mmCIF file of all heavy atoms, coordinates in Angstrom:
data_MODEL
# 
_entry.id   MODEL 
# 
loop_
_atom_site.group_PDB 
_atom_site.id 
_atom_site.type_symbol 
_atom_site.label_atom_id 
_atom_site.label_alt_id 
_atom_site.label_comp_id 
_atom_site.label_asym_id 
_atom_site.label_entity_id 
_atom_site.label_seq_id 
_atom_site.pdbx_PDB_ins_code 
_atom_site.Cartn_x 
_atom_site.Cartn_y 
_atom_site.Cartn_z 
_atom_site.occupancy 
_atom_site.B_iso_or_equiv 
_atom_site.pdbx_formal_charge 
_atom_site.auth_seq_id 
_atom_site.auth_comp_id 
_atom_site.auth_asym_id 
_atom_site.auth_atom_id 
_atom_site.pdbx_PDB_model_num 
ATOM 1   N N   . MET A 1 1  ? 9.652   4.721  8.745   1.00 0.00 ? 1  MET A N   1 
ATOM 2   C CA  . MET A 1 1  ? 8.854   3.885  7.849   1.00 0.00 ? 1  MET A CA  1 
ATOM 3   C C   . MET A 1 1  ? 9.334   4.018  6.413   1.00 0.00 ? 1  MET A C   1 
ATOM 4   O O   . MET A 1 1  ? 9.548   5.125  5.916   1.00 0.00 ? 1  MET A O   1 
ATOM 5   C CB  . MET A 1 1  ? 7.380   4.284  7.933   1.00 0.00 ? 1  MET A CB  1 
ATOM 6   C CG  . MET A 1 1  ? 6.484   3.375  7.111   1.00 0.00 ? 1  MET A CG  1 
ATOM 7   S SD  . MET A 1 1  ? 4.770   3.613  7.546   1.00 0.00 ? 1  MET A SD  1 
ATOM 8   C CE  . MET A 1 1  ? 4.010   3.110  6.012   1.00 0.00 ? 1  MET A CE  1 
ATOM 9   N N   . PRO A 1 2  ? 9.502   2.881  5.733   1.00 0.00 ? 2  PRO A N   1 
ATOM 10  C CA  . PRO A 1 2  ? 9.874   2.952  4.320   1.00 0.00 ? 2  PRO A CA  1 
ATOM 11  C C   . PRO A 1 2  ? 8.718   3.474  3.481   1.00 0.00 ? 2  PRO A C   1 
ATOM 12  O O   . PRO A 1 2  ? 7.552   3.301  3.834   1.00 0.00 ? 2  PRO A O   1 
ATOM 13  C CB  . PRO A 1 2  ? 10.202  1.504  3.952   1.00 0.00 ? 2  PRO A CB  1 
ATOM 14  C CG  . PRO A 1 2  ? 9.425   0.688  4.926   1.00 0.00 ? 2  PRO A CG  1 
ATOM 15  C CD  . PRO A 1 2  ? 9.347   1.493  6.188   1.00 0.00 ? 2  PRO A CD  1 
ATOM 16  N N   . GLN A 1 3  ? 9.056   4.112  2.399   1.00 0.00 ? 3  GLN A N   1 
ATOM 17  C CA  . GLN A 1 3  ? 8.051   4.586  1.451   1.00 0.00 ? 3  GLN A CA  1 
ATOM 18  C C   . GLN A 1 3  ? 7.681   3.443  0.525   1.00 0.00 ? 3  GLN A C   1 
ATOM 19  O O   . GLN A 1 3  ? 8.552   2.793  -0.042  1.00 0.00 ? 3  GLN A O   1 
ATOM 20  C CB  . GLN A 1 3  ? 8.620   5.750  0.648   1.00 0.00 ? 3  GLN A CB  1 
ATOM 21  C CG  . GLN A 1 3  ? 7.677   6.281  -0.399  1.00 0.00 ? 3  GLN A CG  1 
ATOM 22  C CD  . GLN A 1 3  ? 8.203   7.542  -1.043  1.00 0.00 ? 3  GLN A CD  1 
ATOM 23  O OE1 . GLN A 1 3  ? 8.831   8.363  -0.404  1.00 0.00 ? 3  GLN A OE1 1 
ATOM 24  N NE2 . GLN A 1 3  ? 7.963   7.681  -2.341  1.00 0.00 ? 3  GLN A NE2 1 
ATOM 25  N N   . PHE A 1 4  ? 6.385   3.197  0.359   1.00 0.00 ? 4  PHE A N   1 
ATOM 26  C CA  . PHE A 1 4  ? 5.912   2.161  -0.543  1.00 0.00 ? 4  PHE A CA  1 
ATOM 27  C C   . PHE A 1 4  ? 5.453   2.828  -1.830  1.00 0.00 ? 4  PHE A C   1 
ATOM 28  O O   . PHE A 1 4  ? 4.590   3.703  -1.818  1.00 0.00 ? 4  PHE A O   1 
ATOM 29  C CB  . PHE A 1 4  ? 4.801   1.335  0.108   1.00 0.00 ? 4  PHE A CB  1 
ATOM 30  C CG  . PHE A 1 4  ? 5.334   0.491  1.227   1.00 0.00 ? 4  PHE A CG  1 
ATOM 31  C CD1 . PHE A 1 4  ? 5.346   0.956  2.524   1.00 0.00 ? 4  PHE A CD1 1 
ATOM 32  C CD2 . PHE A 1 4  ? 5.880   -0.754 0.959   1.00 0.00 ? 4  PHE A CD2 1 
ATOM 33  C CE1 . PHE A 1 4  ? 5.879   0.191  3.553   1.00 0.00 ? 4  PHE A CE1 1 
ATOM 34  C CE2 . PHE A 1 4  ? 6.415   -1.525 1.975   1.00 0.00 ? 4  PHE A CE2 1 
ATOM 35  C CZ  . PHE A 1 4  ? 6.413   -1.051 3.275   1.00 0.00 ? 4  PHE A CZ  1 
ATOM 36  N N   . ASN A 1 5  ? 6.059   2.431  -2.930  1.00 0.00 ? 5  ASN A N   1 
ATOM 37  C CA  . ASN A 1 5  ? 5.916   3.121  -4.205  1.00 0.00 ? 5  ASN A CA  1 
ATOM 38  C C   . ASN A 1 5  ? 4.957   2.420  -5.162  1.00 0.00 ? 5  ASN A C   1 
ATOM 39  O O   . ASN A 1 5  ? 4.869   1.197  -5.177  1.00 0.00 ? 5  ASN A O   1 
ATOM 40  C CB  . ASN A 1 5  ? 7.294   3.236  -4.858  1.00 0.00 ? 5  ASN A CB  1 
ATOM 41  C CG  . ASN A 1 5  ? 8.227   4.068  -4.016  1.00 0.00 ? 5  ASN A CG  1 
ATOM 42  O OD1 . ASN A 1 5  ? 8.003   5.247  -3.841  1.00 0.00 ? 5  ASN A OD1 1 
ATOM 43  N ND2 . ASN A 1 5  ? 9.270   3.450  -3.472  1.00 0.00 ? 5  ASN A ND2 1 
ATOM 44  N N   . PRO A 1 6  ? 4.275   3.213  -6.019  1.00 0.00 ? 6  PRO A N   1 
ATOM 45  C CA  . PRO A 1 6  ? 3.322   2.641  -6.970  1.00 0.00 ? 6  PRO A CA  1 
ATOM 46  C C   . PRO A 1 6  ? 3.955   2.117  -8.250  1.00 0.00 ? 6  PRO A C   1 
ATOM 47  O O   . PRO A 1 6  ? 3.291   1.478  -9.057  1.00 0.00 ? 6  PRO A O   1 
ATOM 48  C CB  . PRO A 1 6  ? 2.399   3.825  -7.284  1.00 0.00 ? 6  PRO A CB  1 
ATOM 49  C CG  . PRO A 1 6  ? 3.269   5.024  -7.113  1.00 0.00 ? 6  PRO A CG  1 
ATOM 50  C CD  . PRO A 1 6  ? 4.214   4.678  -5.997  1.00 0.00 ? 6  PRO A CD  1 
ATOM 51  N N   . ASP A 1 7  ? 5.242   2.363  -8.435  1.00 0.00 ? 7  ASP A N   1 
ATOM 52  C CA  . ASP A 1 7  ? 5.956   1.988  -9.661  1.00 0.00 ? 7  ASP A CA  1 
ATOM 53  C C   . ASP A 1 7  ? 6.732   0.697  -9.425  1.00 0.00 ? 7  ASP A C   1 
ATOM 54  O O   . ASP A 1 7  ? 7.599   0.638  -8.551  1.00 0.00 ? 7  ASP A O   1 
ATOM 55  C CB  . ASP A 1 7  ? 6.911   3.113  -10.055 1.00 0.00 ? 7  ASP A CB  1 
ATOM 56  C CG  . ASP A 1 7  ? 7.669   2.857  -11.332 1.00 0.00 ? 7  ASP A CG  1 
ATOM 57  O OD1 . ASP A 1 7  ? 7.674   1.712  -11.845 1.00 0.00 ? 7  ASP A OD1 1 
ATOM 58  O OD2 . ASP A 1 7  ? 8.287   3.817  -11.838 1.00 0.00 ? 7  ASP A OD2 1 
ATOM 59  N N   . PRO A 1 8  ? 6.467   -0.359 -10.200 1.00 0.00 ? 8  PRO A N   1 
ATOM 60  C CA  . PRO A 1 8  ? 7.167   -1.630 -9.986  1.00 0.00 ? 8  PRO A CA  1 
ATOM 61  C C   . PRO A 1 8  ? 8.675   -1.549 -10.205 1.00 0.00 ? 8  PRO A C   1 
ATOM 62  O O   . PRO A 1 8  ? 9.411   -2.413 -9.741  1.00 0.00 ? 8  PRO A O   1 
ATOM 63  C CB  . PRO A 1 8  ? 6.519   -2.591 -10.978 1.00 0.00 ? 8  PRO A CB  1 
ATOM 64  C CG  . PRO A 1 8  ? 5.711   -1.775 -11.902 1.00 0.00 ? 8  PRO A CG  1 
ATOM 65  C CD  . PRO A 1 8  ? 5.471   -0.445 -11.261 1.00 0.00 ? 8  PRO A CD  1 
ATOM 66  N N   . ALA A 1 9  ? 9.144   -0.510 -10.852 1.00 0.00 ? 9  ALA A N   1 
ATOM 67  C CA  . ALA A 1 9  ? 10.577  -0.350 -11.063 1.00 0.00 ? 9  ALA A CA  1 
ATOM 68  C C   . ALA A 1 9  ? 11.267  0.230  -9.826  1.00 0.00 ? 9  ALA A C   1 
ATOM 69  O O   . ALA A 1 9  ? 12.492  0.219  -9.746  1.00 0.00 ? 9  ALA A O   1 
ATOM 70  C CB  . ALA A 1 9  ? 10.837  0.550  -12.275 1.00 0.00 ? 9  ALA A CB  1 
ATOM 71  N N   . GLN A 1 10 ? 10.489  0.731  -8.868  1.00 0.00 ? 10 GLN A N   1 
ATOM 72  C CA  . GLN A 1 10 ? 11.052  1.326  -7.659  1.00 0.00 ? 10 GLN A CA  1 
ATOM 73  C C   . GLN A 1 10 ? 11.111  0.302  -6.527  1.00 0.00 ? 10 GLN A C   1 
ATOM 74  O O   . GLN A 1 10 ? 10.394  -0.698 -6.537  1.00 0.00 ? 10 GLN A O   1 
ATOM 75  C CB  . GLN A 1 10 ? 10.197  2.517  -7.213  1.00 0.00 ? 10 GLN A CB  1 
ATOM 76  C CG  . GLN A 1 10 ? 10.238  3.683  -8.181  1.00 0.00 ? 10 GLN A CG  1 
ATOM 77  C CD  . GLN A 1 10 ? 9.349   4.809  -7.707  1.00 0.00 ? 10 GLN A CD  1 
ATOM 78  O OE1 . GLN A 1 10 ? 8.151   4.607  -7.507  1.00 0.00 ? 10 GLN A OE1 1 
ATOM 79  N NE2 . GLN A 1 10 ? 9.928   5.972  -7.537  1.00 0.00 ? 10 GLN A NE2 1 
ATOM 80  N N   . THR A 1 11 ? 11.974  0.584  -5.555  1.00 0.00 ? 11 THR A N   1 
ATOM 81  C CA  . THR A 1 11 ? 12.034  -0.283 -4.378  1.00 0.00 ? 11 THR A CA  1 
ATOM 82  C C   . THR A 1 11 ? 10.733  -0.159 -3.595  1.00 0.00 ? 11 THR A C   1 
ATOM 83  O O   . THR A 1 11 ? 10.012  0.825  -3.720  1.00 0.00 ? 11 THR A O   1 
ATOM 84  C CB  . THR A 1 11 ? 13.217  0.106  -3.466  1.00 0.00 ? 11 THR A CB  1 
ATOM 85  O OG1 . THR A 1 11 ? 13.060  1.462  -3.065  1.00 0.00 ? 11 THR A OG1 1 
ATOM 86  C CG2 . THR A 1 11 ? 14.550  -0.079 -4.166  1.00 0.00 ? 11 THR A CG2 1 
ATOM 87  N N   . ASN A 1 12 ? 10.453  -1.150 -2.786  1.00 0.00 ? 12 ASN A N   1 
ATOM 88  C CA  . ASN A 1 12 ? 9.249   -1.169 -1.949  1.00 0.00 ? 12 ASN A CA  1 
ATOM 89  C C   . ASN A 1 12 ? 7.979   -0.946 -2.767  1.00 0.00 ? 12 ASN A C   1 
ATOM 90  O O   . ASN A 1 12 ? 7.128   -0.130 -2.418  1.00 0.00 ? 12 ASN A O   1 
ATOM 91  C CB  . ASN A 1 12 ? 9.345   -0.140 -0.822  1.00 0.00 ? 12 ASN A CB  1 
ATOM 92  C CG  . ASN A 1 12 ? 10.469  -0.426 0.127   1.00 0.00 ? 12 ASN A CG  1 
ATOM 93  O OD1 . ASN A 1 12 ? 10.714  -1.570 0.479   1.00 0.00 ? 12 ASN A OD1 1 
ATOM 94  N ND2 . ASN A 1 12 ? 11.175  0.606  0.518   1.00 0.00 ? 12 ASN A ND2 1 
ATOM 95  N N   . TYR A 1 13 ? 7.854   -1.700 -3.828  1.00 0.00 ? 13 TYR A N   1 
ATOM 96  C CA  . TYR A 1 13 ? 6.679   -1.594 -4.699  1.00 0.00 ? 13 TYR A CA  1 
ATOM 97  C C   . TYR A 1 13 ? 5.431   -2.092 -3.981  1.00 0.00 ? 13 TYR A C   1 
ATOM 98  O O   . TYR A 1 13 ? 5.427   -3.167 -3.383  1.00 0.00 ? 13 TYR A O   1 
ATOM 99  C CB  . TYR A 1 13 ? 6.916   -2.404 -5.970  1.00 0.00 ? 13 TYR A CB  1 
ATOM 100 C CG  . TYR A 1 13 ? 5.712   -2.568 -6.854  1.00 0.00 ? 13 TYR A CG  1 
ATOM 101 C CD1 . TYR A 1 13 ? 5.037   -1.459 -7.367  1.00 0.00 ? 13 TYR A CD1 1 
ATOM 102 C CD2 . TYR A 1 13 ? 5.246   -3.836 -7.184  1.00 0.00 ? 13 TYR A CD2 1 
ATOM 103 C CE1 . TYR A 1 13 ? 3.926   -1.618 -8.193  1.00 0.00 ? 13 TYR A CE1 1 
ATOM 104 C CE2 . TYR A 1 13 ? 4.148   -4.003 -8.015  1.00 0.00 ? 13 TYR A CE2 1 
ATOM 105 C CZ  . TYR A 1 13 ? 3.490   -2.890 -8.515  1.00 0.00 ? 13 TYR A CZ  1 
ATOM 106 O OH  . TYR A 1 13 ? 2.398   -3.041 -9.331  1.00 0.00 ? 13 TYR A OH  1 
ATOM 107 N N   . MET A 1 14 ? 4.373   -1.284 -4.026  1.00 0.00 ? 14 MET A N   1 
ATOM 108 C CA  . MET A 1 14 ? 3.063   -1.679 -3.527  1.00 0.00 ? 14 MET A CA  1 
ATOM 109 C C   . MET A 1 14 ? 2.035   -1.210 -4.554  1.00 0.00 ? 14 MET A C   1 
ATOM 110 O O   . MET A 1 14 ? 1.823   -0.008 -4.717  1.00 0.00 ? 14 MET A O   1 
ATOM 111 C CB  . MET A 1 14 ? 2.750   -1.032 -2.172  1.00 0.00 ? 14 MET A CB  1 
ATOM 112 C CG  . MET A 1 14 ? 1.368   -1.416 -1.629  1.00 0.00 ? 14 MET A CG  1 
ATOM 113 S SD  . MET A 1 14 ? 0.914   -0.553 -0.096  1.00 0.00 ? 14 MET A SD  1 
ATOM 114 C CE  . MET A 1 14 ? 1.967   -1.397 1.092   1.00 0.00 ? 14 MET A CE  1 
ATOM 115 N N   . PRO A 1 15 ? 1.413   -2.147 -5.263  1.00 0.00 ? 15 PRO A N   1 
ATOM 116 C CA  . PRO A 1 15 ? 0.432   -1.739 -6.266  1.00 0.00 ? 15 PRO A CA  1 
ATOM 117 C C   . PRO A 1 15 ? -0.763  -1.028 -5.615  1.00 0.00 ? 15 PRO A C   1 
ATOM 118 O O   . PRO A 1 15 ? -1.087  -1.259 -4.454  1.00 0.00 ? 15 PRO A O   1 
ATOM 119 C CB  . PRO A 1 15 ? 0.012   -3.041 -6.941  1.00 0.00 ? 15 PRO A CB  1 
ATOM 120 C CG  . PRO A 1 15 ? 0.461   -4.133 -6.040  1.00 0.00 ? 15 PRO A CG  1 
ATOM 121 C CD  . PRO A 1 15 ? 1.546   -3.599 -5.164  1.00 0.00 ? 15 PRO A CD  1 
ATOM 122 N N   . ASP A 1 16 ? -1.408  -0.173 -6.392  1.00 0.00 ? 16 ASP A N   1 
ATOM 123 C CA  . ASP A 1 16 ? -2.538  0.599  -5.879  1.00 0.00 ? 16 ASP A CA  1 
ATOM 124 C C   . ASP A 1 16 ? -3.647  -0.289 -5.328  1.00 0.00 ? 16 ASP A C   1 
ATOM 125 O O   . ASP A 1 16 ? -4.282  0.064  -4.330  1.00 0.00 ? 16 ASP A O   1 
ATOM 126 C CB  . ASP A 1 16 ? -3.107  1.522  -6.961  1.00 0.00 ? 16 ASP A CB  1 
ATOM 127 C CG  . ASP A 1 16 ? -2.216  2.720  -7.244  1.00 0.00 ? 16 ASP A CG  1 
ATOM 128 O OD1 . ASP A 1 16 ? -1.412  3.111  -6.359  1.00 0.00 ? 16 ASP A OD1 1 
ATOM 129 O OD2 . ASP A 1 16 ? -2.333  3.282  -8.348  1.00 0.00 ? 16 ASP A OD2 1 
ATOM 130 N N   . ASP A 1 17 ? -3.881  -1.454 -5.950  1.00 0.00 ? 17 ASP A N   1 
ATOM 131 C CA  . ASP A 1 17 ? -4.951  -2.308 -5.432  1.00 0.00 ? 17 ASP A CA  1 
ATOM 132 C C   . ASP A 1 17 ? -4.617  -2.848 -4.042  1.00 0.00 ? 17 ASP A C   1 
ATOM 133 O O   . ASP A 1 17 ? -5.491  -2.957 -3.188  1.00 0.00 ? 17 ASP A O   1 
ATOM 134 C CB  . ASP A 1 17 ? -5.322  -3.428 -6.406  1.00 0.00 ? 17 ASP A CB  1 
ATOM 135 C CG  . ASP A 1 17 ? -4.189  -4.388 -6.712  1.00 0.00 ? 17 ASP A CG  1 
ATOM 136 O OD1 . ASP A 1 17 ? -3.010  -3.986 -6.661  1.00 0.00 ? 17 ASP A OD1 1 
ATOM 137 O OD2 . ASP A 1 17 ? -4.489  -5.561 -7.024  1.00 0.00 ? 17 ASP A OD2 1 
ATOM 138 N N   . HIS A 1 18 ? -3.353  -3.129 -3.775  1.00 0.00 ? 18 HIS A N   1 
ATOM 139 C CA  . HIS A 1 18 ? -2.942  -3.544 -2.431  1.00 0.00 ? 18 HIS A CA  1 
ATOM 140 C C   . HIS A 1 18 ? -3.099  -2.380 -1.460  1.00 0.00 ? 18 HIS A C   1 
ATOM 141 O O   . HIS A 1 18 ? -3.632  -2.554 -0.358  1.00 0.00 ? 18 HIS A O   1 
ATOM 142 C CB  . HIS A 1 18 ? -1.490  -4.013 -2.418  1.00 0.00 ? 18 HIS A CB  1 
ATOM 143 C CG  . HIS A 1 18 ? -1.291  -5.394 -2.918  1.00 0.00 ? 18 HIS A CG  1 
ATOM 144 N ND1 . HIS A 1 18 ? -0.192  -6.152 -2.586  1.00 0.00 ? 18 HIS A ND1 1 
ATOM 145 C CD2 . HIS A 1 18 ? -2.042  -6.176 -3.739  1.00 0.00 ? 18 HIS A CD2 1 
ATOM 146 C CE1 . HIS A 1 18 ? -0.269  -7.333 -3.171  1.00 0.00 ? 18 HIS A CE1 1 
ATOM 147 N NE2 . HIS A 1 18 ? -1.394  -7.362 -3.879  1.00 0.00 ? 18 HIS A NE2 1 
ATOM 148 N N   . LEU A 1 19 ? -2.610  -1.211 -1.859  1.00 0.00 ? 19 LEU A N   1 
ATOM 149 C CA  . LEU A 1 19 ? -2.705  -0.026 -1.003  1.00 0.00 ? 19 LEU A CA  1 
ATOM 150 C C   . LEU A 1 19 ? -4.154  0.242  -0.621  1.00 0.00 ? 19 LEU A C   1 
ATOM 151 O O   . LEU A 1 19 ? -4.475  0.413  0.561   1.00 0.00 ? 19 LEU A O   1 
ATOM 152 C CB  . LEU A 1 19 ? -2.111  1.185  -1.721  1.00 0.00 ? 19 LEU A CB  1 
ATOM 153 C CG  . LEU A 1 19 ? -2.290  2.531  -1.018  1.00 0.00 ? 19 LEU A CG  1 
ATOM 154 C CD1 . LEU A 1 19 ? -1.517  2.583  0.279   1.00 0.00 ? 19 LEU A CD1 1 
ATOM 155 C CD2 . LEU A 1 19 ? -1.878  3.655  -1.941  1.00 0.00 ? 19 LEU A CD2 1 
ATOM 156 N N   . ASN A 1 20 ? -5.031  0.267  -1.600  1.00 0.00 ? 20 ASN A N   1 
ATOM 157 C CA  . ASN A 1 20 ? -6.433  0.571  -1.329  1.00 0.00 ? 20 ASN A CA  1 
ATOM 158 C C   . ASN A 1 20 ? -7.088  -0.488 -0.452  1.00 0.00 ? 20 ASN A C   1 
ATOM 159 O O   . ASN A 1 20 ? -7.860  -0.164 0.456   1.00 0.00 ? 20 ASN A O   1 
ATOM 160 C CB  . ASN A 1 20 ? -7.196  0.761  -2.640  1.00 0.00 ? 20 ASN A CB  1 
ATOM 161 C CG  . ASN A 1 20 ? -6.718  1.983  -3.386  1.00 0.00 ? 20 ASN A CG  1 
ATOM 162 O OD1 . ASN A 1 20 ? -6.328  2.981  -2.782  1.00 0.00 ? 20 ASN A OD1 1 
ATOM 163 N ND2 . ASN A 1 20 ? -6.734  1.915  -4.700  1.00 0.00 ? 20 ASN A ND2 1 
ATOM 164 N N   . ALA A 1 21 ? -6.778  -1.745 -0.675  1.00 0.00 ? 21 ALA A N   1 
ATOM 165 C CA  . ALA A 1 21 ? -7.339  -2.820 0.146   1.00 0.00 ? 21 ALA A CA  1 
ATOM 166 C C   . ALA A 1 21 ? -6.831  -2.729 1.584   1.00 0.00 ? 21 ALA A C   1 
ATOM 167 O O   . ALA A 1 21 ? -7.606  -2.884 2.537   1.00 0.00 ? 21 ALA A O   1 
ATOM 168 C CB  . ALA A 1 21 ? -6.993  -4.182 -0.461  1.00 0.00 ? 21 ALA A CB  1 
ATOM 169 N N   . ILE A 1 22 ? -5.560  -2.470 1.758   1.00 0.00 ? 22 ILE A N   1 
ATOM 170 C CA  . ILE A 1 22 ? -4.974  -2.338 3.100   1.00 0.00 ? 22 ILE A CA  1 
ATOM 171 C C   . ILE A 1 22 ? -5.608  -1.168 3.838   1.00 0.00 ? 22 ILE A C   1 
ATOM 172 O O   . ILE A 1 22 ? -5.983  -1.282 5.008   1.00 0.00 ? 22 ILE A O   1 
ATOM 173 C CB  . ILE A 1 22 ? -3.444  -2.196 3.006   1.00 0.00 ? 22 ILE A CB  1 
ATOM 174 C CG1 . ILE A 1 22 ? -2.820  -3.528 2.583   1.00 0.00 ? 22 ILE A CG1 1 
ATOM 175 C CG2 . ILE A 1 22 ? -2.858  -1.703 4.326   1.00 0.00 ? 22 ILE A CG2 1 
ATOM 176 C CD1 . ILE A 1 22 ? -1.364  -3.428 2.160   1.00 0.00 ? 22 ILE A CD1 1 
ATOM 177 N N   . VAL A 1 23 ? -5.741  -0.038 3.173   1.00 0.00 ? 23 VAL A N   1 
ATOM 178 C CA  . VAL A 1 23 ? -6.341  1.136  3.803   1.00 0.00 ? 23 VAL A CA  1 
ATOM 179 C C   . VAL A 1 23 ? -7.782  0.849  4.215   1.00 0.00 ? 23 VAL A C   1 
ATOM 180 O O   . VAL A 1 23 ? -8.196  1.164  5.334   1.00 0.00 ? 23 VAL A O   1 
ATOM 181 C CB  . VAL A 1 23 ? -6.241  2.374  2.885   1.00 0.00 ? 23 VAL A CB  1 
ATOM 182 C CG1 . VAL A 1 23 ? -7.136  3.499  3.373   1.00 0.00 ? 23 VAL A CG1 1 
ATOM 183 C CG2 . VAL A 1 23 ? -4.793  2.838  2.785   1.00 0.00 ? 23 VAL A CG2 1 
ATOM 184 N N   . GLN A 1 24 ? -8.552  0.210  3.347   1.00 0.00 ? 24 GLN A N   1 
ATOM 185 C CA  . GLN A 1 24 ? -9.940  -0.105 3.690   1.00 0.00 ? 24 GLN A CA  1 
ATOM 186 C C   . GLN A 1 24 ? -10.003 -1.043 4.899   1.00 0.00 ? 24 GLN A C   1 
ATOM 187 O O   . GLN A 1 24 ? -10.861 -0.882 5.774   1.00 0.00 ? 24 GLN A O   1 
ATOM 188 C CB  . GLN A 1 24 ? -10.673 -0.709 2.486   1.00 0.00 ? 24 GLN A CB  1 
ATOM 189 C CG  . GLN A 1 24 ? -10.871 0.264  1.348   1.00 0.00 ? 24 GLN A CG  1 
ATOM 190 C CD  . GLN A 1 24 ? -11.484 1.582  1.780   1.00 0.00 ? 24 GLN A CD  1 
ATOM 191 O OE1 . GLN A 1 24 ? -12.523 1.617  2.426   1.00 0.00 ? 24 GLN A OE1 1 
ATOM 192 N NE2 . GLN A 1 24 ? -10.824 2.682  1.433   1.00 0.00 ? 24 GLN A NE2 1 
ATOM 193 N N   . TYR A 1 25 ? -9.103  -1.993 4.959   1.00 0.00 ? 25 TYR A N   1 
ATOM 194 C CA  . TYR A 1 25 ? -9.043  -2.887 6.120   1.00 0.00 ? 25 TYR A CA  1 
ATOM 195 C C   . TYR A 1 25 ? -8.685  -2.108 7.383   1.00 0.00 ? 25 TYR A C   1 
ATOM 196 O O   . TYR A 1 25 ? -9.349  -2.242 8.418   1.00 0.00 ? 25 TYR A O   1 
ATOM 197 C CB  . TYR A 1 25 ? -8.030  -4.006 5.867   1.00 0.00 ? 25 TYR A CB  1 
ATOM 198 C CG  . TYR A 1 25 ? -7.660  -4.760 7.110   1.00 0.00 ? 25 TYR A CG  1 
ATOM 199 C CD1 . TYR A 1 25 ? -8.576  -5.594 7.752   1.00 0.00 ? 25 TYR A CD1 1 
ATOM 200 C CD2 . TYR A 1 25 ? -6.397  -4.625 7.670   1.00 0.00 ? 25 TYR A CD2 1 
ATOM 201 C CE1 . TYR A 1 25 ? -8.235  -6.274 8.907   1.00 0.00 ? 25 TYR A CE1 1 
ATOM 202 C CE2 . TYR A 1 25 ? -6.047  -5.309 8.828   1.00 0.00 ? 25 TYR A CE2 1 
ATOM 203 C CZ  . TYR A 1 25 ? -6.969  -6.130 9.444   1.00 0.00 ? 25 TYR A CZ  1 
ATOM 204 O OH  . TYR A 1 25 ? -6.652  -6.786 10.590  1.00 0.00 ? 25 TYR A OH  1 
ATOM 205 N N   . LEU A 1 26 ? -7.649  -1.282 7.320   1.00 0.00 ? 26 LEU A N   1 
ATOM 206 C CA  . LEU A 1 26 ? -7.221  -0.533 8.509   1.00 0.00 ? 26 LEU A CA  1 
ATOM 207 C C   . LEU A 1 26 ? -8.338  0.376  9.028   1.00 0.00 ? 26 LEU A C   1 
ATOM 208 O O   . LEU A 1 26 ? -8.462  0.564  10.255  1.00 0.00 ? 26 LEU A O   1 
ATOM 209 C CB  . LEU A 1 26 ? -5.966  0.287  8.207   1.00 0.00 ? 26 LEU A CB  1 
ATOM 210 C CG  . LEU A 1 26 ? -4.697  -0.523 7.989   1.00 0.00 ? 26 LEU A CG  1 
ATOM 211 C CD1 . LEU A 1 26 ? -3.553  0.386  7.576   1.00 0.00 ? 26 LEU A CD1 1 
ATOM 212 C CD2 . LEU A 1 26 ? -4.329  -1.321 9.241   1.00 0.00 ? 26 LEU A CD2 1 
ATOM 213 N N   . LEU A 1 27 ? -9.136  0.922  8.130   1.00 0.00 ? 27 LEU A N   1 
ATOM 214 C CA  . LEU A 1 27 ? -10.231 1.798  8.551   1.00 0.00 ? 27 LEU A CA  1 
ATOM 215 C C   . LEU A 1 27 ? -11.290 1.058  9.375   1.00 0.00 ? 27 LEU A C   1 
ATOM 216 O O   . LEU A 1 27 ? -12.060 1.693  10.096  1.00 0.00 ? 27 LEU A O   1 
ATOM 217 C CB  . LEU A 1 27 ? -10.881 2.460  7.332   1.00 0.00 ? 27 LEU A CB  1 
ATOM 218 C CG  . LEU A 1 27 ? -10.023 3.518  6.634   1.00 0.00 ? 27 LEU A CG  1 
ATOM 219 C CD1 . LEU A 1 27 ? -10.681 3.948  5.338   1.00 0.00 ? 27 LEU A CD1 1 
ATOM 220 C CD2 . LEU A 1 27 ? -9.757  4.709  7.543   1.00 0.00 ? 27 LEU A CD2 1 
ATOM 221 N N   . THR A 1 28 ? -11.319 -0.268 9.300   1.00 0.00 ? 28 THR A N   1 
ATOM 222 C CA  . THR A 1 28 ? -12.312 -1.043 10.046  1.00 0.00 ? 28 THR A CA  1 
ATOM 223 C C   . THR A 1 28 ? -11.810 -1.476 11.418  1.00 0.00 ? 28 THR A C   1 
ATOM 224 O O   . THR A 1 28 ? -12.589 -2.036 12.205  1.00 0.00 ? 28 THR A O   1 
ATOM 225 C CB  . THR A 1 28 ? -12.728 -2.321 9.284   1.00 0.00 ? 28 THR A CB  1 
ATOM 226 O OG1 . THR A 1 28 ? -11.622 -3.229 9.243   1.00 0.00 ? 28 THR A OG1 1 
ATOM 227 C CG2 . THR A 1 28 ? -13.235 -1.991 7.895   1.00 0.00 ? 28 THR A CG2 1 
ATOM 228 N N   . GLN A 1 29 ? -10.548 -1.263 11.719  1.00 0.00 ? 29 GLN A N   1 
ATOM 229 C CA  . GLN A 1 29 ? -9.978  -1.775 12.956  1.00 0.00 ? 29 GLN A CA  1 
ATOM 230 C C   . GLN A 1 29 ? -10.375 -0.920 14.159  1.00 0.00 ? 29 GLN A C   1 
ATOM 231 O O   . GLN A 1 29 ? -10.313 0.298  14.107  1.00 0.00 ? 29 GLN A O   1 
ATOM 232 C CB  . GLN A 1 29 ? -8.455  -1.877 12.856  1.00 0.00 ? 29 GLN A CB  1 
ATOM 233 C CG  . GLN A 1 29 ? -8.018  -2.879 11.819  1.00 0.00 ? 29 GLN A CG  1 
ATOM 234 C CD  . GLN A 1 29 ? -8.759  -4.194 11.975  1.00 0.00 ? 29 GLN A CD  1 
ATOM 235 O OE1 . GLN A 1 29 ? -8.552  -4.915 12.937  1.00 0.00 ? 29 GLN A OE1 1 
ATOM 236 N NE2 . GLN A 1 29 ? -9.655  -4.500 11.036  1.00 0.00 ? 29 GLN A NE2 1 
ATOM 237 N N   . GLN A 1 30 ? -10.767 -1.596 15.203  1.00 0.00 ? 30 GLN A N   1 
ATOM 238 C CA  . GLN A 1 30 ? -11.190 -0.939 16.439  1.00 0.00 ? 30 GLN A CA  1 
ATOM 239 C C   . GLN A 1 30 ? -10.056 -1.023 17.463  1.00 0.00 ? 30 GLN A C   1 
ATOM 240 O O   . GLN A 1 30 ? -9.092  -1.755 17.285  1.00 0.00 ? 30 GLN A O   1 
ATOM 241 C CB  . GLN A 1 30 ? -12.439 -1.632 16.987  1.00 0.00 ? 30 GLN A CB  1 
ATOM 242 C CG  . GLN A 1 30 ? -13.592 -1.671 16.025  1.00 0.00 ? 30 GLN A CG  1 
ATOM 243 C CD  . GLN A 1 30 ? -14.065 -0.290 15.643  1.00 0.00 ? 30 GLN A CD  1 
ATOM 244 O OE1 . GLN A 1 30 ? -14.271 0.569  16.503  1.00 0.00 ? 30 GLN A OE1 1 
ATOM 245 N NE2 . GLN A 1 30 ? -14.226 -0.030 14.349  1.00 0.00 ? 30 GLN A NE2 1 
# 
């Protein structure tokens, strides 16, 4: 798995708001 980074200057940038939203969604999956 690639590392998703919080810094827009790094590869595979994922902002914290996306990360937090994705995690909250995944926590609801059955």
